[in-house]
Protein backbone atom coordinates (compact mmCIF):
# COMPACT_ATOMS: atom_id res chain seq x y z
CA MET A 1 12.43 12.74 -9.30
CA THR A 2 14.93 10.16 -8.32
CA GLN A 3 14.97 8.04 -11.85
CA LYS A 4 13.81 4.45 -11.85
CA SER A 5 16.87 2.39 -10.71
CA THR A 6 18.48 0.04 -13.86
CA VAL A 7 19.86 -3.48 -11.87
CA ALA A 8 21.37 -6.12 -13.40
CA ARG A 9 18.86 -8.91 -13.25
CA ASN A 10 20.12 -12.44 -12.04
CA THR A 11 17.53 -14.45 -9.94
CA THR A 12 19.84 -17.33 -9.68
CA PRO A 13 21.34 -18.12 -6.13
CA THR A 14 24.88 -18.39 -7.85
CA VAL A 15 25.93 -15.16 -8.14
CA PRO A 16 29.59 -15.05 -7.08
CA MET A 17 29.54 -13.85 -3.12
CA THR A 18 32.42 -12.37 -1.32
CA ALA A 19 34.17 -14.63 0.89
CA GLU A 20 32.88 -13.00 4.20
CA VAL A 21 29.01 -13.38 3.01
CA HIS A 22 29.82 -17.56 1.92
CA LYS A 23 32.00 -17.56 4.92
CA GLU A 24 28.38 -16.49 6.80
CA LEU A 25 26.06 -18.58 4.60
CA GLN A 26 28.08 -21.80 5.38
CA ALA A 27 28.41 -20.55 9.52
CA TRP A 28 24.32 -20.03 9.39
CA ASP A 29 23.89 -23.92 7.61
CA ARG A 30 25.80 -25.41 9.95
CA ARG A 31 23.61 -23.85 12.46
CA ASP A 32 20.56 -25.11 10.47
CA ARG A 33 22.33 -28.75 11.57
CA ASP A 34 21.95 -27.94 15.11
CA ARG A 35 19.26 -26.30 15.79
CA GLY A 36 20.43 -25.65 19.71
CA ALA A 37 23.30 -23.08 18.36
CA PHE A 38 20.22 -20.96 17.07
CA ALA A 39 19.17 -20.53 20.93
CA TRP A 40 21.16 -17.11 21.37
CA LEU A 41 18.68 -15.97 18.43
CA PHE A 42 15.11 -16.41 20.04
CA LEU A 43 14.94 -12.63 20.38
CA TYR A 44 12.42 -11.63 23.38
CA CYS A 45 11.39 -15.56 23.99
CA ALA A 46 13.35 -16.77 26.90
CA GLY A 47 10.47 -19.07 28.71
CA TRP A 48 7.59 -17.93 26.63
CA GLY A 49 7.37 -21.08 24.37
CA CYS A 50 8.38 -19.66 20.98
CA GLN A 51 8.67 -22.26 18.24
CA PRO A 52 11.47 -22.00 15.61
CA GLY A 53 10.73 -20.10 12.37
CA ARG A 54 9.17 -22.19 9.58
CA VAL A 55 10.26 -20.37 6.50
CA ARG A 56 13.26 -21.37 5.38
CA PRO A 57 14.55 -18.57 2.74
CA THR A 58 16.22 -19.06 -0.66
CA VAL A 59 18.86 -16.58 -0.92
CA ARG A 60 19.39 -14.90 -3.82
CA TYR A 61 21.64 -11.77 -5.19
CA CYS A 62 20.63 -9.09 -7.62
CA ALA A 63 22.86 -5.65 -8.58
CA THR A 64 21.69 -2.28 -7.27
CA PRO A 65 23.18 0.79 -7.37
CA ALA A 66 23.89 1.11 -3.44
CA GLY A 67 25.89 -2.73 -3.77
CA ARG A 68 25.09 -6.16 -4.24
CA VAL A 69 21.89 -7.27 -2.23
CA ALA A 70 20.35 -10.30 -0.56
CA TYR A 71 16.88 -11.20 -1.46
CA SER A 72 14.27 -13.91 -0.34
CA VAL A 73 10.75 -14.69 -2.01
CA SER A 74 8.07 -16.97 -0.49
CA GLY A 75 4.34 -17.26 -0.79
CA ALA A 76 2.28 -17.02 -3.72
CA GLY A 77 -0.64 -13.95 -4.81
CA PRO A 78 0.49 -10.48 -5.25
CA ALA A 79 3.31 -9.20 -4.57
CA LEU A 80 4.47 -7.85 -1.67
CA LEU A 81 7.48 -5.75 -0.63
CA CYS A 82 8.60 -5.57 2.89
CA ASP A 83 11.16 -3.45 4.67
CA SER A 84 11.18 -4.18 8.39
CA GLY A 85 13.42 -1.52 9.58
CA TRP A 86 16.94 -0.35 10.52
CA ILE A 87 19.13 -3.56 9.68
CA THR A 88 18.54 -6.85 8.60
CA HIS A 89 19.11 -10.43 8.38
CA LEU A 90 17.20 -12.46 5.94
CA ARG A 91 17.91 -15.39 8.11
CA GLY A 92 18.03 -14.26 11.28
CA GLN A 93 15.31 -12.35 11.56
CA LEU A 94 13.24 -15.31 10.92
CA GLU A 95 14.10 -17.24 14.36
CA LEU A 96 13.47 -13.94 15.99
CA CYS A 97 10.41 -14.72 17.99
CA SER A 98 7.00 -14.65 16.11
CA PHE A 99 8.87 -13.01 12.93
CA SER A 100 8.45 -16.18 11.07
CA SER A 101 5.31 -16.78 11.65
CA PHE A 102 4.41 -12.72 11.25
CA VAL A 103 6.00 -13.25 7.42
CA ALA A 104 3.88 -17.32 7.15
CA ARG A 105 0.64 -15.38 7.42
CA LEU A 106 1.41 -12.82 4.60
CA ALA A 107 2.53 -15.89 2.69
CA GLU A 108 -0.54 -16.87 2.59
CA ARG A 109 -1.85 -14.36 0.75
CA PHE A 110 0.75 -12.58 -1.00
CA THR A 111 4.46 -13.09 -2.39
CA VAL A 112 6.76 -11.90 0.22
CA ILE A 113 9.46 -10.49 -0.77
CA ARG A 114 12.58 -9.63 1.47
CA TYR A 115 15.48 -8.56 1.53
CA ASP A 116 18.54 -7.23 3.58
CA LYS A 117 19.56 -3.90 3.20
CA PRO A 118 23.27 -2.60 1.96
CA GLY A 119 25.78 -3.47 4.36
CA CYS A 120 23.10 -5.74 6.28
CA GLY A 121 22.68 -9.14 7.03
CA LEU A 122 23.63 -11.61 3.92
CA SER A 123 23.89 -8.33 1.45
CA ASP A 124 27.41 -7.20 0.54
CA ARG A 125 29.34 -5.60 3.25
CA ASN A 126 31.92 -3.22 1.29
CA GLY A 127 31.48 -0.83 -1.23
CA ILE A 128 28.17 0.24 -0.23
CA ASP A 129 25.99 2.95 -0.52
CA LEU A 130 24.62 3.66 3.00
CA SER A 131 22.18 6.93 1.85
CA PHE A 132 18.13 6.98 1.92
CA GLU A 133 18.65 7.28 -1.89
CA GLY A 134 20.94 4.36 -1.79
CA GLN A 135 18.31 2.28 0.18
CA VAL A 136 15.69 3.22 -1.98
CA ALA A 137 17.42 2.69 -5.01
CA ALA A 138 18.24 -1.30 -3.64
CA ALA A 139 14.74 -2.28 -2.75
CA LEU A 140 13.51 -0.97 -6.66
CA ALA A 141 16.07 -2.91 -7.71
CA VAL A 142 14.93 -5.94 -6.11
CA ALA A 143 11.25 -5.37 -6.87
CA ASP A 144 12.80 -5.19 -10.88
CA VAL A 145 14.60 -7.88 -10.56
CA VAL A 146 11.38 -10.86 -9.36
CA GLY A 147 9.65 -9.08 -11.86
CA ALA A 148 7.14 -6.78 -9.62
CA GLY A 149 6.05 -4.30 -11.84
CA ARG A 150 3.67 -3.18 -9.14
CA PHE A 151 3.08 -4.17 -5.99
CA ARG A 152 1.58 -3.62 -2.25
CA LEU A 153 4.56 -2.17 0.04
CA PHE A 154 4.87 -2.77 3.87
CA GLY A 155 7.79 -0.64 5.89
CA ALA A 156 8.05 -0.52 9.56
CA SER A 157 9.85 2.19 11.38
CA GLN A 158 13.13 3.32 9.29
CA GLY A 159 11.43 1.20 7.13
CA GLY A 160 8.34 3.49 7.23
CA GLN A 161 10.33 6.35 5.44
CA LEU A 162 11.63 4.26 2.88
CA ALA A 163 8.35 3.06 1.54
CA ALA A 164 6.36 6.29 1.75
CA ALA A 165 9.13 7.93 -0.43
CA ILE A 166 8.46 5.23 -2.84
CA ALA A 167 4.54 5.93 -2.57
CA ALA A 168 5.38 9.20 -3.34
CA ARG A 169 7.71 9.14 -6.44
CA TYR A 170 6.70 6.00 -7.99
CA PRO A 171 2.73 6.24 -8.15
CA GLU A 172 2.40 4.04 -10.90
CA ARG A 173 4.27 0.92 -9.15
CA VAL A 174 2.26 0.95 -5.48
CA GLU A 175 -1.15 -0.29 -4.96
CA ALA A 176 -1.50 -0.06 -1.46
CA LEU A 177 0.65 0.84 1.27
CA VAL A 178 0.81 -0.23 5.34
CA LEU A 179 3.34 1.81 7.52
CA TYR A 180 3.87 0.71 11.17
CA GLY A 181 5.67 2.57 13.98
CA MET A 182 7.25 5.04 12.10
CA CYS A 183 7.65 8.85 12.48
CA ALA A 184 7.84 11.28 9.35
CA SER A 185 10.89 12.94 10.49
CA GLY A 186 14.04 11.37 12.21
CA SER A 187 14.80 14.23 14.71
CA ASP A 188 11.52 14.14 16.23
CA LEU A 189 12.66 10.61 18.07
CA ALA A 190 14.77 12.11 20.94
CA PRO A 191 16.39 15.59 21.24
CA ALA A 192 19.41 16.25 18.59
CA GLU A 193 21.99 15.73 22.14
CA VAL A 194 20.17 12.38 22.52
CA ARG A 195 20.43 11.14 18.68
CA ASN A 196 24.08 12.34 18.45
CA SER A 197 24.93 10.33 21.92
CA ILE A 198 23.35 7.04 20.56
CA VAL A 199 25.06 7.07 17.01
CA ALA A 200 28.34 8.05 18.78
CA LEU A 201 27.64 4.92 21.46
CA VAL A 202 26.76 2.33 18.78
CA ARG A 203 29.73 3.50 16.59
CA ALA A 204 32.02 3.10 19.17
CA HIS A 205 31.06 0.37 20.86
CA TRP A 206 28.44 -1.76 19.17
CA GLY A 207 27.36 -4.36 21.92
CA LEU A 208 26.99 -1.29 24.70
CA GLY A 209 24.92 0.81 22.13
CA LEU A 210 22.13 -2.02 22.18
CA LYS A 211 22.15 -2.35 25.36
CA ALA A 212 21.50 1.70 25.53
CA ILE A 213 18.45 1.91 23.48
CA SER A 214 16.86 -1.59 23.79
CA GLY A 215 14.20 -0.01 25.89
CA ALA A 216 13.12 1.37 22.80
CA PHE A 217 11.85 -1.74 21.34
CA VAL A 218 10.44 -3.74 23.55
CA THR A 219 9.04 -2.69 27.45
CA ASP A 220 11.28 -4.18 30.19
CA PRO A 221 13.52 -6.37 28.75
CA THR A 222 15.32 -8.87 31.09
CA ALA A 223 18.99 -9.32 30.74
CA GLU A 224 18.63 -12.47 29.11
CA GLU A 225 16.47 -10.36 26.14
CA VAL A 226 18.84 -7.43 25.82
CA GLU A 227 21.74 -10.24 24.98
CA ALA A 228 20.00 -12.09 22.61
CA PHE A 229 18.95 -9.11 20.80
CA THR A 230 22.50 -7.57 21.03
CA ARG A 231 23.78 -10.79 19.34
CA PHE A 232 21.21 -10.46 17.06
CA GLN A 233 21.95 -7.26 15.81
CA ARG A 234 25.70 -7.66 15.89
CA ALA A 235 25.48 -10.11 13.71
CA SER A 236 23.54 -8.38 11.32
CA ALA A 237 25.54 -5.19 10.59
CA SER A 238 28.66 -3.88 11.79
CA ALA A 239 28.90 -0.88 14.02
CA ALA A 240 30.10 1.36 11.37
CA VAL A 241 27.15 0.31 9.44
CA ALA A 242 24.61 0.47 12.36
CA ALA A 243 25.60 3.56 13.12
CA ARG A 244 25.21 5.25 9.74
CA LEU A 245 21.68 3.91 8.89
CA LEU A 246 20.61 5.22 12.43
CA GLU A 247 22.50 8.47 11.72
CA VAL A 248 20.48 8.56 8.07
CA TYR A 249 17.33 7.02 9.83
CA TYR A 250 17.65 10.23 12.37
CA ASP A 251 18.70 12.88 9.31
CA THR A 252 15.92 12.31 6.92
CA ASP A 253 12.31 14.25 7.04
CA ILE A 254 10.11 13.02 4.51
CA ARG A 255 7.05 15.03 5.57
CA ALA A 256 7.00 16.80 2.35
CA LEU A 257 6.67 13.49 0.08
CA LEU A 258 3.98 12.12 1.97
CA PRO A 259 0.86 14.78 0.64
CA ALA A 260 1.80 13.31 -3.04
CA ILE A 261 0.70 9.53 -2.08
CA ARG A 262 -2.21 8.49 -4.14
CA ALA A 263 -2.13 4.98 -3.07
CA ARG A 264 -4.53 3.31 -0.37
CA THR A 265 -2.59 3.77 3.01
CA ALA A 266 -2.78 2.62 6.26
CA VAL A 267 -0.38 4.02 9.13
CA LEU A 268 -0.56 0.91 11.91
CA HIS A 269 0.63 2.43 15.31
CA ARG A 270 1.02 0.98 18.78
CA GLU A 271 -0.86 3.30 21.05
CA SER A 272 2.11 3.16 24.08
CA ASP A 273 4.51 2.17 21.58
CA LYS A 274 8.35 3.48 23.39
CA GLY A 275 10.62 3.75 20.45
CA THR A 276 8.34 6.33 18.34
CA ARG A 277 5.23 7.65 20.07
CA PHE A 278 1.88 7.52 18.53
CA GLU A 279 1.73 10.96 17.78
CA LEU A 280 4.26 10.60 15.60
CA GLY A 281 2.28 7.66 13.55
CA ARG A 282 -0.62 10.02 13.60
CA GLU A 283 1.23 12.87 12.26
CA VAL A 284 1.85 10.68 9.36
CA ALA A 285 -1.24 9.77 8.61
CA THR A 286 -2.71 12.99 8.80
CA LEU A 287 -0.19 14.34 6.09
CA ILE A 288 -1.28 11.22 3.59
CA PRO A 289 -4.54 12.04 1.72
CA GLY A 290 -7.22 9.54 2.58
CA ALA A 291 -5.12 7.45 4.51
CA THR A 292 -6.17 5.48 7.36
CA LEU A 293 -4.86 5.14 10.93
CA ILE A 294 -5.06 1.93 13.16
CA PRO A 295 -4.97 2.25 16.78
CA LEU A 296 -3.26 -0.55 18.16
CA PRO A 297 -2.58 -1.72 21.98
CA GLY A 298 0.61 -2.65 23.46
CA SER A 299 3.91 -1.02 23.54
CA SER A 300 6.66 -2.86 21.56
CA HIS A 301 7.93 -1.29 18.86
CA LEU A 302 8.61 -4.16 16.74
CA PHE A 303 5.71 -5.59 14.87
CA TYR A 304 6.33 -9.40 15.19
CA HIS A 305 6.46 -8.99 19.25
CA GLY A 306 3.48 -8.93 21.79
CA ASP A 307 0.41 -9.24 20.43
CA TRP A 308 2.20 -9.23 16.37
CA PRO A 309 -1.60 -11.31 15.63
CA ALA A 310 -3.18 -8.10 16.06
CA VAL A 311 -0.60 -6.76 13.56
CA VAL A 312 -0.92 -8.94 10.84
CA ASP A 313 -4.76 -9.20 10.76
CA ALA A 314 -4.89 -5.17 10.74
CA MET A 315 -2.72 -5.58 7.70
CA LEU A 316 -4.27 -8.60 6.08
CA ASP A 317 -7.65 -6.49 6.23
CA PHE A 318 -6.39 -3.54 5.15
CA LEU A 319 -4.74 -5.21 2.17
CA CYS A 320 -6.84 -7.88 0.94
CA GLU A 321 -9.97 -5.54 0.83
CA PRO A 322 -11.00 -4.21 -2.88
CA ALA A 323 -10.66 -0.89 -3.87
CA SER A 324 -13.77 1.30 -3.80
CA PRO A 325 -14.21 4.52 -6.01
CA GLY A 326 -16.03 6.30 -3.12
CA PRO A 327 -15.54 6.98 0.59
CA ARG A 328 -14.78 3.43 2.06
CA LEU A 329 -15.11 3.01 6.10
CA THR A 330 -14.15 0.04 7.84
CA GLY A 331 -16.66 -1.44 10.32
CA ARG A 332 -15.05 -0.02 13.15
CA GLU A 333 -15.58 3.62 11.58
CA LEU A 334 -19.60 3.55 10.49
CA GLU A 335 -19.71 2.29 14.50
CA VAL A 336 -18.20 5.48 15.12
CA ALA A 337 -19.57 7.41 12.45
CA GLY A 338 -23.03 6.29 13.58
CA LEU A 339 -22.15 7.08 17.20
CA VAL A 340 -21.42 10.74 16.62
CA ALA A 341 -24.72 10.89 14.77
CA GLU A 342 -26.04 10.05 17.89
CA GLY A 343 -24.30 13.02 19.32
CA LEU A 344 -21.86 11.50 21.38
CA THR A 345 -18.75 13.06 22.46
CA ASN A 346 -15.21 11.17 21.59
CA HIS A 347 -15.41 10.02 25.24
CA ALA A 348 -18.61 8.59 25.30
CA ILE A 349 -17.92 6.90 21.95
CA ALA A 350 -15.24 5.28 23.90
CA ARG A 351 -17.02 4.17 27.10
CA ARG A 352 -19.37 2.60 24.55
CA LEU A 353 -17.13 0.87 22.65
CA SER A 354 -14.35 -0.46 25.64
CA ILE A 355 -11.22 1.59 23.44
CA ALA A 356 -9.24 4.68 24.83
CA PRO A 357 -10.53 7.52 24.00
CA ARG A 358 -7.29 8.46 21.68
CA THR A 359 -8.13 5.51 19.88
CA ALA A 360 -11.84 7.29 19.35
CA GLU A 361 -10.43 10.39 18.21
CA ALA A 362 -8.10 8.85 15.92
CA HIS A 363 -11.18 6.81 14.33
CA ALA A 364 -13.33 10.43 14.20
CA GLU A 365 -10.18 12.03 12.46
CA ASN A 366 -9.98 9.03 10.20
CA ILE A 367 -13.69 9.51 9.08
CA ARG A 368 -13.47 13.17 8.89
CA ARG A 369 -10.39 12.71 5.96
CA LYS A 370 -12.19 9.75 4.10
CA LEU A 371 -15.48 11.89 3.62
CA GLY A 372 -13.67 15.12 2.99
CA VAL A 373 -15.85 16.67 6.16
CA HIS A 374 -14.45 19.23 8.93
CA SER A 375 -17.00 18.83 11.21
CA ARG A 376 -19.21 16.21 13.45
CA ALA A 377 -22.36 17.81 12.44
CA GLN A 378 -21.59 16.96 8.81
CA ILE A 379 -20.65 13.19 9.49
CA ALA A 380 -23.82 12.76 10.87
CA ALA A 381 -25.53 14.38 7.86
CA TRP A 382 -23.76 11.67 5.39
CA MET A 383 -24.67 9.50 7.99
CA THR A 384 -28.13 10.36 7.74
CA GLU A 385 -28.18 10.92 3.70
CA HIS A 386 -26.43 7.02 2.98
CA ARG A 387 -28.62 5.57 5.78
CA LEU A 388 -25.68 3.58 6.63
CA ARG A 389 -25.42 1.57 10.25
CA PRO A 390 -22.76 -0.87 11.40
CA GLY A 391 -22.98 -3.40 9.31
CA ALA A 392 -24.62 -2.25 6.34
CA ALA A 393 -22.78 -1.76 3.00
CA ARG A 394 -19.66 0.35 2.67
């Protein structure tokens, strides 16, 4: 097991910065004075009436085993450590369509802790460790420096692998876990030759590489959206760093860690996610004891794009519900369990509730895992014994 990381504690923003980071901060401040200069950062917002981000972060720095990392804290309440995925930029991401609104919703209930991965955004770009273990150490160091001995954890896409690894290795630190759009093994995302080609393309030509994979993040992106995405991501990391982080993602397999997770866990996944197939999210949920799989409509791989309120609502509903010593079914799961007790098949349940058959199947699997049963007859018996119906106490 990886030892708990040691950090040089410094919660003030006056830590000496590299010339590169200082120059970039100055550039962002100049852009703040001219909101029009942010137009190219409005990812997927062309003509959609998106509003500029309202959350303005105070950027601080802390030393980590993987290099000095930039972080910010917003909101009030229990600590919520967030990893938004592949590459990051603390300030720039807040200008991406609904990212700021998403963070603002979380900050109403939690102290939201965000950070730039080593080598990305406002973190140090030189002398860094981009390995998976280095990323885990950096995340824990940020939690340490803000005094979050125990926290809730959100990880999206590649960040989901990292969040799950932390929950498995440090169960005493993670109170609850939400995973979005992730897979257990990066090698399942595409055949080896495709993965190798994408990494090589990103490394050789960052802009062209992004255009080649943008369709995996958003369905049918326009030329303007692809261009905005490309410019933003190129500001977040160099070609070498982006390629290496992508390579690490593809090479990481955490299947063996998932059964060790003891925190309450929700796995959110859009049913038509083009970047990470729904079946891969379902696999994650089946490997984590007691995890709840929450299927969501839509095809965007980005949690802050498309119907983002559905994502944040599901996340808040899960994180804010009180812990229960016994099996705890969601309202929808109770509804499905009641229909199972009536003898309805998954297809019949889907028709009755106007949901996809795959969603009904996922709910039934969640119920079986939570109750520790193996058949629909056992679900029906449990319902009869406890006399539970939709709207009853859980």
